Each structure stands twice: as C-alpha cells, then as structure tokens.
C-alpha cells in the first residue's frame, strides 16, 4: 500500500522526467536535486496538476489518473502558503473543513484546536498580513491538519524562513506527520532539511527520479549527480 509511481513519464516541451518507484505508507521522503531537474514537476504530477504522458500513479489500489486534484487524498504546502489576504486566520484555516465557511459549533471547535496545535492561540481574528512569515506557515499547516488527507506534499514551504525557525517548522511537521500517520514527500534544496525530517531521499537529476534511498546513506556516499550538486567534486 502507499504511493506508487509506475513507469511514469512527464514531459513539458523539451523537458522529460521518468519515475518508477513505491513510497511506503508513513514514509517521509525528501526530493532533492539541481534546480530545473523536475522536483516540483514530480509533485505536480502526484497532485494532479500535470498528467503523465504514460504510466500510472496509485494510492493503495486506487489509480489517481481519473481523480481531479481536489479529489486526491493529499494536501500541499507551497512556499507562498496560499493564504487569502482578505480572510482572517480562522477563516483561512476553516477552508480546510468547509470551503463555504459555514461551520457547525463542533467544526469551529476543530478550527480552534488546530490553531492551538500549531501555536496560533489567540490569533484567529488577524489577517495574514499582520503575521510573521513563520506564523503564516503555521496557518497553512493548521489547514492541512484539518483536511486529514493521508498524503502530504511539501514544495519548499519554509525556504524563506531563517534557519532556526525553519528547523522549528520542520520539527512541527514531523510531529503532526507522526500523529496523523501521514506519508510525506518534501522538495528541498537543503540536505540538512532532508536529514532533519526524512528517513528516505529521492534524487532527481538527468531526467530521472531515482527510487528512494536511506537519507543518511545517500549523503554519506552520494551518487555522481548528487555529488556534483553538492559541490563535492569527483
């Protein structure tokens, strides 16, 4: 069970990426590689924003090809957090439950609990512009909490944060992933992020997304493409 990419070919103009590997349920997988190699493209295909030329993407026994992005069993955190500036923090989080924001008392309590869980107690009435970058990231994460989808995709959502705050957010994601037994895929440029959060790492380079390897193993003895990316020479 879990996520499976079976003989996937992704193509955009002259760009081409192949991928064929499983991701076990509950795994935390970093996706690393040079800029333009196709890391975000791979997430876009899993999310349903880009259809493969060939191949199948499965979640368990379900073929996701026929599923619209909104119907797929996943949530995504982007770098810009996808917050609506005209809505309050509470309303932005509540969208994870009800797009029409018509909440029952029990659902309102769920939103408040999610805000508490990510450290935003008392900030529900603020607008995103009144928050720091780290607080905005927490709003997006609280919304993911409420969606309760089993697969979480992270496309460098914390890359604009300072090192200490980024580490704090990665640790929070790790705790939430453990609590909800999420399967997690995270695009990153930073080996330290991969080591902090992910037990496995996928290298995307030279038109191929390689099967996941143990994170410590791949960085201890990097393949040539990763060695070049890390600037370690021959």
C-alpha atoms as a PDB file:
ATOM      1  CA  UNK A   1       0.000   0.000   0.000  1.00  0.00           C
ATOM      2  CA  UNK A   2       1.032   3.650  -0.064  1.00  0.00           C
ATOM      3  CA  UNK A   3       2.029   5.695  -3.094  1.00  0.00           C
ATOM      4  CA  UNK A   4       3.280   4.081  -6.268  1.00  0.00           C
ATOM      5  CA  UNK A   5       4.653   5.701  -9.403  1.00  0.00           C
ATOM      6  CA  UNK A   6       4.597   3.054 -12.123  1.00  0.00           C
ATOM      7  CA  UNK A   7       6.622   3.780 -15.282  1.00  0.00           C
ATOM      8  CA  UNK A   8       5.784   7.491 -15.209  1.00  0.00           C
ATOM      9  CA  UNK A   9       6.963   9.774 -17.993  1.00  0.00           C
ATOM     10  CA  UNK A  10       6.413  13.509 -17.560  1.00  0.00           C
ATOM     11  CA  UNK A  11       7.020  15.883 -20.440  1.00  0.00           C
ATOM     12  CA  UNK A  12       6.860  19.665 -20.836  1.00  0.00           C
ATOM     13  CA  UNK A  13       8.305  20.866 -24.123  1.00  0.00           C
ATOM     14  CA  UNK A  14      11.859  19.536 -24.343  1.00  0.00           C
ATOM     15  CA  UNK A  15      11.863  18.603 -20.648  1.00  0.00           C
ATOM     16  CA  UNK A  16      11.345  14.943 -19.819  1.00  0.00           C
ATOM     17  CA  UNK A  17      11.338  13.133 -16.465  1.00  0.00           C
ATOM     18  CA  UNK A  18      10.862   9.449 -15.702  1.00  0.00           C
ATOM     19  CA  UNK A  19       9.950   7.906 -12.344  1.00  0.00           C
ATOM     20  CA  UNK A  20       9.064   4.387 -11.233  1.00  0.00           C
ATOM     21  CA  UNK A  21       9.115   3.527  -7.532  1.00  0.00           C
ATOM     22  CA  UNK A  22       6.889   2.946  -4.488  1.00  0.00           C
ATOM     23  CA  UNK A  23       6.682   5.053  -1.321  1.00  0.00           C
ATOM     24  CA  UNK A  24       5.560   3.088   1.716  1.00  0.00           C
ATOM     25  CA  UNK A  25       2.689   4.333   3.860  1.00  0.00           C
ATOM     26  CA  UNK A  26       4.028   6.577   6.609  1.00  0.00           C
ATOM     27  CA  UNK A  27       7.394   7.170   4.930  1.00  0.00           C
ATOM     28  CA  UNK A  28       8.973  10.623   4.937  1.00  0.00           C
ATOM     29  CA  UNK A  29      10.770  11.211   1.654  1.00  0.00           C
ATOM     30  CA  UNK A  30      12.914  14.194   0.681  1.00  0.00           C
ATOM     31  CA  UNK A  31      13.165  15.089  -3.019  1.00  0.00           C
ATOM     32  CA  UNK A  32      16.465  16.747  -3.823  1.00  0.00           C
ATOM     33  CA  UNK A  33      18.411  17.664  -6.949  1.00  0.00           C
ATOM     34  CA  UNK A  34      19.584  20.547  -9.124  1.00  0.00           C
ATOM     35  CA  UNK A  35      17.306  23.477  -9.970  1.00  0.00           C
ATOM     36  CA  UNK A  36      15.196  22.665 -13.006  1.00  0.00           C
ATOM     37  CA  UNK A  37      15.680  18.914 -12.615  1.00  0.00           C
ATOM     38  CA  UNK A  38      11.955  18.306 -12.096  1.00  0.00           C
ATOM     39  CA  UNK A  39      11.404  18.118  -8.334  1.00  0.00           C
ATOM     40  CA  UNK A  40       8.325  20.349  -8.288  1.00  0.00           C
ATOM     41  CA  UNK A  41       7.172  18.789 -11.569  1.00  0.00           C
ATOM     42  CA  UNK A  42       7.109  15.420  -9.839  1.00  0.00           C
ATOM     43  CA  UNK A  43       4.929  16.814  -7.033  1.00  0.00           C
ATOM     44  CA  UNK A  44       2.659  18.486  -9.590  1.00  0.00           C
ATOM     45  CA  UNK A  45       2.042  15.133 -11.261  1.00  0.00           C
ATOM     46  CA  UNK A  46       1.227  13.423  -7.967  1.00  0.00           C
ATOM     47  CA  UNK A  47      -1.123  16.286  -7.097  1.00  0.00           C
ATOM     48  CA  UNK A  48      -2.891  16.072 -10.457  1.00  0.00           C
ATOM     49  CA  UNK A  49      -1.763  19.408 -11.916  1.00  0.00           C
ATOM     50  CA  UNK A  50       0.263  17.670 -14.635  1.00  0.00           C
ATOM     51  CA  UNK A  51      -0.823  14.478 -16.355  1.00  0.00           C
ATOM     52  CA  UNK A  52       1.846  11.887 -17.204  1.00  0.00           C
ATOM     53  CA  UNK A  53       2.431  11.043 -20.840  1.00  0.00           C
ATOM     54  CA  UNK A  54       2.471   7.400 -19.808  1.00  0.00           C
ATOM     55  CA  UNK A  55       2.359   5.450 -16.575  1.00  0.00           C
ATOM     56  CA  UNK A  56       0.117   5.250 -13.537  1.00  0.00           C
ATOM     57  CA  UNK A  57       0.122   6.982 -10.154  1.00  0.00           C
ATOM     58  CA  UNK A  58      -1.601   4.927  -7.465  1.00  0.00           C
ATOM     59  CA  UNK A  59      -2.559   5.461  -3.858  1.00  0.00           C
ATOM     60  CA  UNK A  60      -3.063   1.988  -2.476  1.00  0.00           C
ATOM     61  CA  UNK A  61      -5.144   0.171  -5.066  1.00  0.00           C
ATOM     62  CA  UNK A  62      -6.658   3.385  -6.455  1.00  0.00           C
ATOM     63  CA  UNK A  63      -5.492   4.791  -9.786  1.00  0.00           C
ATOM     64  CA  UNK A  64      -5.359   8.558  -9.288  1.00  0.00           C
ATOM     65  CA  UNK A  65      -5.391   9.317 -13.026  1.00  0.00           C
ATOM     66  CA  UNK A  66      -9.148   9.807 -13.085  1.00  0.00           C
ATOM     67  CA  UNK A  67      -9.165  11.986  -9.952  1.00  0.00           C
ATOM     68  CA  UNK A  68      -9.236  15.772 -10.130  1.00  0.00           C
ATOM     69  CA  UNK A  69      -6.631  17.493  -7.914  1.00  0.00           C
ATOM     70  CA  UNK A  70      -9.223  18.332  -5.254  1.00  0.00           C
ATOM     71  CA  UNK A  71     -10.381  14.729  -5.044  1.00  0.00           C
ATOM     72  CA  UNK A  72      -6.922  13.249  -4.481  1.00  0.00           C
ATOM     73  CA  UNK A  73      -6.048  12.045  -0.961  1.00  0.00           C
ATOM     74  CA  UNK A  74      -3.440  14.715  -0.373  1.00  0.00           C
ATOM     75  CA  UNK A  75      -2.675  18.212   0.847  1.00  0.00           C
ATOM     76  CA  UNK A  76       0.080  20.518  -0.397  1.00  0.00           C
ATOM     77  CA  UNK A  77       2.102  23.196   1.361  1.00  0.00           C
ATOM     78  CA  UNK A  78       3.680  25.706  -1.038  1.00  0.00           C
ATOM     79  CA  UNK A  79       6.287  28.374  -0.326  1.00  0.00           C
ATOM     80  CA  UNK A  80       3.679  31.159  -0.596  1.00  0.00           C
ATOM     81  CA  UNK A  81       1.315  29.305   1.810  1.00  0.00           C
ATOM     82  CA  UNK A  82      -1.735  30.013  -0.423  1.00  0.00           C
ATOM     83  CA  UNK A  83      -3.447  32.192   2.186  1.00  0.00           C
ATOM     84  CA  UNK A  84      -6.305  34.527   1.254  1.00  0.00           C
ATOM     85  CA  UNK A  85      -5.367  38.051   2.385  1.00  0.00           C
ATOM     86  CA  UNK A  86      -8.984  39.209   2.833  1.00  0.00           C
ATOM     87  CA  UNK A  87      -9.842  36.350   5.189  1.00  0.00           C
ATOM     88  CA  UNK A  88      -8.910  36.048   8.848  1.00  0.00           C
ATOM     89  CA  UNK A  89      -6.539  33.409  10.139  1.00  0.00           C
ATOM     90  CA  UNK A  90      -9.537  31.479  11.483  1.00  0.00           C
ATOM     91  CA  UNK A  91     -11.293  31.608   8.099  1.00  0.00           C
ATOM     92  CA  UNK A  92      -8.164  30.589   6.179  1.00  0.00           C
ATOM     93  CA  UNK A  93      -7.814  27.524   8.390  1.00  0.00           C
ATOM     94  CA  UNK A  94     -11.557  26.760   8.279  1.00  0.00           C
ATOM     95  CA  UNK A  95     -11.336  26.400   4.487  1.00  0.00           C
ATOM     96  CA  UNK A  96      -9.726  23.037   5.209  1.00  0.00           C
ATOM     97  CA  UNK A  97     -13.096  21.879   6.544  1.00  0.00           C
ATOM     98  CA  UNK A  98     -15.698  23.924   4.691  1.00  0.00           C
ATOM     99  CA  UNK A  99     -14.955  25.955   1.538  1.00  0.00           C
ATOM    100  CA  UNK A 100     -18.212  27.875   2.182  1.00  0.00           C
ATOM    101  CA  UNK A 101     -17.068  28.631   5.777  1.00  0.00           C
ATOM    102  CA  UNK A 102     -20.457  27.598   7.186  1.00  0.00           C
ATOM    103  CA  UNK A 103     -19.219  25.775  10.250  1.00  0.00           C
ATOM    104  CA  UNK A 104     -21.103  23.902  12.905  1.00  0.00           C
ATOM    105  CA  UNK A 105     -20.145  24.595  16.551  1.00  0.00           C
ATOM    106  CA  UNK A 106     -18.177  21.338  16.565  1.00  0.00           C
ATOM    107  CA  UNK A 107     -16.289  22.372  13.426  1.00  0.00           C
ATOM    108  CA  UNK A 108     -15.483  25.784  14.896  1.00  0.00           C
ATOM    109  CA  UNK A 109     -14.008  23.968  17.881  1.00  0.00           C
ATOM    110  CA  UNK A 110     -11.912  21.853  15.498  1.00  0.00           C
ATOM    111  CA  UNK A 111     -10.511  25.007  13.877  1.00  0.00           C
ATOM    112  CA  UNK A 112      -9.638  26.487  17.261  1.00  0.00           C
ATOM    113  CA  UNK A 113      -7.955  23.231  18.280  1.00  0.00           C
ATOM    114  CA  UNK A 114      -5.886  23.236  15.068  1.00  0.00           C
ATOM    115  CA  UNK A 115      -4.773  26.825  15.735  1.00  0.00           C
ATOM    116  CA  UNK A 116      -3.781  25.840  19.251  1.00  0.00           C
ATOM    117  CA  UNK A 117      -1.864  22.826  17.936  1.00  0.00           C
ATOM    118  CA  UNK A 118       0.361  24.943  15.691  1.00  0.00           C
ATOM    119  CA  UNK A 119       0.944  27.696  18.236  1.00  0.00           C
ATOM    120  CA  UNK A 120      -1.509  30.326  16.975  1.00  0.00           C
ATOM    121  CA  UNK A 121      -3.772  30.556  20.018  1.00  0.00           C
ATOM    122  CA  UNK A 122      -5.499  33.934  20.128  1.00  0.00           C
ATOM    123  CA  UNK A 123      -4.531  34.961  16.582  1.00  0.00           C
ATOM    124  CA  UNK A 124      -7.648  33.747  14.767  1.00  0.00           C
ATOM    125  CA  UNK A 125      -9.023  37.247  14.134  1.00  0.00           C
ATOM    126  CA  UNK A 126      -5.889  38.567  12.437  1.00  0.00           C
ATOM    127  CA  UNK A 127      -5.304  38.859   8.702  1.00  0.00           C
ATOM    128  CA  UNK A 128      -2.289  37.118   7.101  1.00  0.00           C
ATOM    129  CA  UNK A 129      -0.550  40.468   6.521  1.00  0.00           C
ATOM    130  CA  UNK A 130      -0.489  41.002  10.286  1.00  0.00           C
ATOM    131  CA  UNK A 131       1.524  37.817  10.822  1.00  0.00           C
ATOM    132  CA  UNK A 132       5.195  36.983  10.526  1.00  0.00           C
ATOM    133  CA  UNK A 133       6.392  34.568   7.850  1.00  0.00           C
ATOM    134  CA  UNK A 134       6.637  31.779  10.387  1.00  0.00           C
ATOM    135  CA  UNK A 135       3.121  32.437  11.643  1.00  0.00           C
ATOM    136  CA  UNK A 136       1.771  32.371   8.083  1.00  0.00           C
ATOM    137  CA  UNK A 137       3.412  28.973   7.602  1.00  0.00           C
ATOM    138  CA  UNK A 138       1.646  27.780  10.744  1.00  0.00           C
ATOM    139  CA  UNK A 139      -1.729  28.914   9.361  1.00  0.00           C
ATOM    140  CA  UNK A 140      -1.177  26.833   6.227  1.00  0.00           C
ATOM    141  CA  UNK A 141      -0.107  23.884   8.358  1.00  0.00           C
ATOM    142  CA  UNK A 142      -3.212  24.189  10.565  1.00  0.00           C
ATOM    143  CA  UNK A 143      -5.376  23.992   7.437  1.00  0.00           C
ATOM    144  CA  UNK A 144      -3.569  20.792   6.431  1.00  0.00           C
ATOM    145  CA  UNK A 145      -4.273  19.401   9.909  1.00  0.00           C
ATOM    146  CA  UNK A 146      -8.000  19.831   9.397  1.00  0.00           C
ATOM    147  CA  UNK A 147      -8.043  18.302   5.917  1.00  0.00           C
ATOM    148  CA  UNK A 148      -6.771  14.995   7.314  1.00  0.00           C
ATOM    149  CA  UNK A 149      -5.560  13.712   3.962  1.00  0.00           C
ATOM    150  CA  UNK A 150      -3.102  10.808   4.252  1.00  0.00           C
ATOM    151  CA  UNK A 151      -0.508  12.185   1.828  1.00  0.00           C
ATOM    152  CA  UNK A 152       1.295  15.492   2.457  1.00  0.00           C
ATOM    153  CA  UNK A 153       3.361  17.200  -0.259  1.00  0.00           C
ATOM    154  CA  UNK A 154       5.756  19.980   0.751  1.00  0.00           C
ATOM    155  CA  UNK A 155       7.167  22.201  -2.011  1.00  0.00           C
ATOM    156  CA  UNK A 156       9.807  24.149  -0.050  1.00  0.00           C
ATOM    157  CA  UNK A 157       7.208  25.880   2.163  1.00  0.00           C
ATOM    158  CA  UNK A 158       9.777  27.019   4.722  1.00  0.00           C
ATOM    159  CA  UNK A 159      12.653  28.037   2.432  1.00  0.00           C
ATOM    160  CA  UNK A 160      12.118  31.758   3.108  1.00  0.00           C
ATOM    161  CA  UNK A 161      12.416  31.301   6.869  1.00  0.00           C
ATOM    162  CA  UNK A 162      15.595  31.688   8.889  1.00  0.00           C
ATOM    163  CA  UNK A 163      17.474  28.538   9.921  1.00  0.00           C
ATOM    164  CA  UNK A 164      16.157  28.337  13.498  1.00  0.00           C
ATOM    165  CA  UNK A 165      12.534  28.980  12.515  1.00  0.00           C
ATOM    166  CA  UNK A 166      12.770  26.577   9.578  1.00  0.00           C
ATOM    167  CA  UNK A 167      14.052  23.844  11.888  1.00  0.00           C
ATOM    168  CA  UNK A 168      11.188  24.560  14.282  1.00  0.00           C
ATOM    169  CA  UNK A 169       8.621  24.235  11.482  1.00  0.00           C
ATOM    170  CA  UNK A 170      10.186  21.011  10.176  1.00  0.00           C
ATOM    171  CA  UNK A 171      10.006  19.538  13.665  1.00  0.00           C
ATOM    172  CA  UNK A 172       6.354  20.580  13.964  1.00  0.00           C
ATOM    173  CA  UNK A 173       5.557  18.965  10.615  1.00  0.00           C
ATOM    174  CA  UNK A 174       7.333  15.831  11.797  1.00  0.00           C
ATOM    175  CA  UNK A 175       5.241  15.642  14.948  1.00  0.00           C
ATOM    176  CA  UNK A 176       1.992  16.181  13.026  1.00  0.00           C
ATOM    177  CA  UNK A 177       3.007  13.596  10.412  1.00  0.00           C
ATOM    178  CA  UNK A 178       3.607  11.091  13.206  1.00  0.00           C
ATOM    179  CA  UNK A 179       0.299  11.887  14.938  1.00  0.00           C
ATOM    180  CA  UNK A 180      -1.739  11.549  11.747  1.00  0.00           C
ATOM    181  CA  UNK A 181       0.427   8.769  10.249  1.00  0.00           C
ATOM    182  CA  UNK A 182       0.972  10.818   7.114  1.00  0.00           C
ATOM    183  CA  UNK A 183       3.036   9.831   4.117  1.00  0.00           C
ATOM    184  CA  UNK A 184       5.213  12.845   3.353  1.00  0.00           C
ATOM    185  CA  UNK A 185       7.137  13.997   0.275  1.00  0.00           C
ATOM    186  CA  UNK A 186       9.214  17.167   0.610  1.00  0.00           C
ATOM    187  CA  UNK A 187      11.036  19.075  -2.122  1.00  0.00           C
ATOM    188  CA  UNK A 188      14.129  20.736  -0.706  1.00  0.00           C
ATOM    189  CA  UNK A 189      17.467  22.189  -1.827  1.00  0.00           C
ATOM    190  CA  UNK A 190      18.993  21.741   1.622  1.00  0.00           C
ATOM    191  CA  UNK A 191      20.496  18.389   2.717  1.00  0.00           C
ATOM    192  CA  UNK A 192      20.074  19.494   6.347  1.00  0.00           C
ATOM    193  CA  UNK A 193      16.283  19.670   5.841  1.00  0.00           C
ATOM    194  CA  UNK A 194      16.246  16.160   4.389  1.00  0.00           C
ATOM    195  CA  UNK A 195      18.274  14.820   7.286  1.00  0.00           C
ATOM    196  CA  UNK A 196      16.123  16.567   9.872  1.00  0.00           C
ATOM    197  CA  UNK A 197      12.735  15.344   8.649  1.00  0.00           C
ATOM    198  CA  UNK A 198      13.061  12.494   6.168  1.00  0.00           C
ATOM    199  CA  UNK A 199      14.279   8.923   6.526  1.00  0.00           C
ATOM    200  CA  UNK A 200      14.455   8.460   2.755  1.00  0.00           C
ATOM    201  CA  UNK A 201      15.576  10.666  -0.130  1.00  0.00           C
ATOM    202  CA  UNK A 202      14.778  10.674  -3.852  1.00  0.00           C
ATOM    203  CA  UNK A 203      17.432  12.169  -6.132  1.00  0.00           C
ATOM    204  CA  UNK A 204      16.043  13.912  -9.226  1.00  0.00           C
ATOM    205  CA  UNK A 205      18.719  14.545 -11.864  1.00  0.00           C
ATOM    206  CA  UNK A 206      19.462  13.964 -15.534  1.00  0.00           C
ATOM    207  CA  UNK A 207      15.813  13.299 -16.379  1.00  0.00           C
ATOM    208  CA  UNK A 208      15.283  10.567 -13.785  1.00  0.00           C
ATOM    209  CA  UNK A 209      13.717  10.489 -10.320  1.00  0.00           C
ATOM    210  CA  UNK A 210      15.609   7.635  -8.694  1.00  0.00           C
ATOM    211  CA  UNK A 211      13.921   5.295  -6.187  1.00  0.00           C
ATOM    212  CA  UNK A 212      14.120   6.368  -2.539  1.00  0.00           C
ATOM    213  CA  UNK A 213      17.319   5.606  -0.649  1.00  0.00           C
ATOM    214  CA  UNK A 214      18.058   5.875   3.056  1.00  0.00           C
ATOM    215  CA  UNK A 215      18.804   9.567   3.650  1.00  0.00           C
ATOM    216  CA  UNK A 216      21.991   9.057   5.660  1.00  0.00           C
ATOM    217  CA  UNK A 217      23.281   6.548   3.126  1.00  0.00           C
ATOM    218  CA  UNK A 218      22.726   8.746   0.072  1.00  0.00           C
ATOM    219  CA  UNK A 219      24.506  11.711   1.675  1.00  0.00           C
ATOM    220  CA  UNK A 220      27.309   9.595   3.108  1.00  0.00           C
ATOM    221  CA  UNK A 221      28.083   8.179  -0.332  1.00  0.00           C
ATOM    222  CA  UNK A 222      26.392  10.462  -2.904  1.00  0.00           C
ATOM    223  CA  UNK A 223      25.799   9.293  -6.482  1.00  0.00           C
ATOM    224  CA  UNK A 224      27.786  11.362  -9.023  1.00  0.00           C
ATOM    225  CA  UNK A 225      24.848  13.680  -9.845  1.00  0.00           C
ATOM    226  CA  UNK A 226      24.251  14.444  -6.161  1.00  0.00           C
ATOM    227  CA  UNK A 227      27.980  14.876  -5.545  1.00  0.00           C
ATOM    228  CA  UNK A 228      28.097  17.449  -8.348  1.00  0.00           C
ATOM    229  CA  UNK A 229      25.011  19.216  -6.971  1.00  0.00           C
ATOM    230  CA  UNK A 230      26.546  19.373  -3.503  1.00  0.00           C
ATOM    231  CA  UNK A 231      29.801  20.728  -4.955  1.00  0.00           C
ATOM    232  CA  UNK A 232      31.872  17.831  -3.658  1.00  0.00           C
ATOM    233  CA  UNK A 233      33.761  17.312  -6.890  1.00  0.00           C
ATOM    234  CA  UNK A 234      34.816  13.980  -8.307  1.00  0.00           C
END
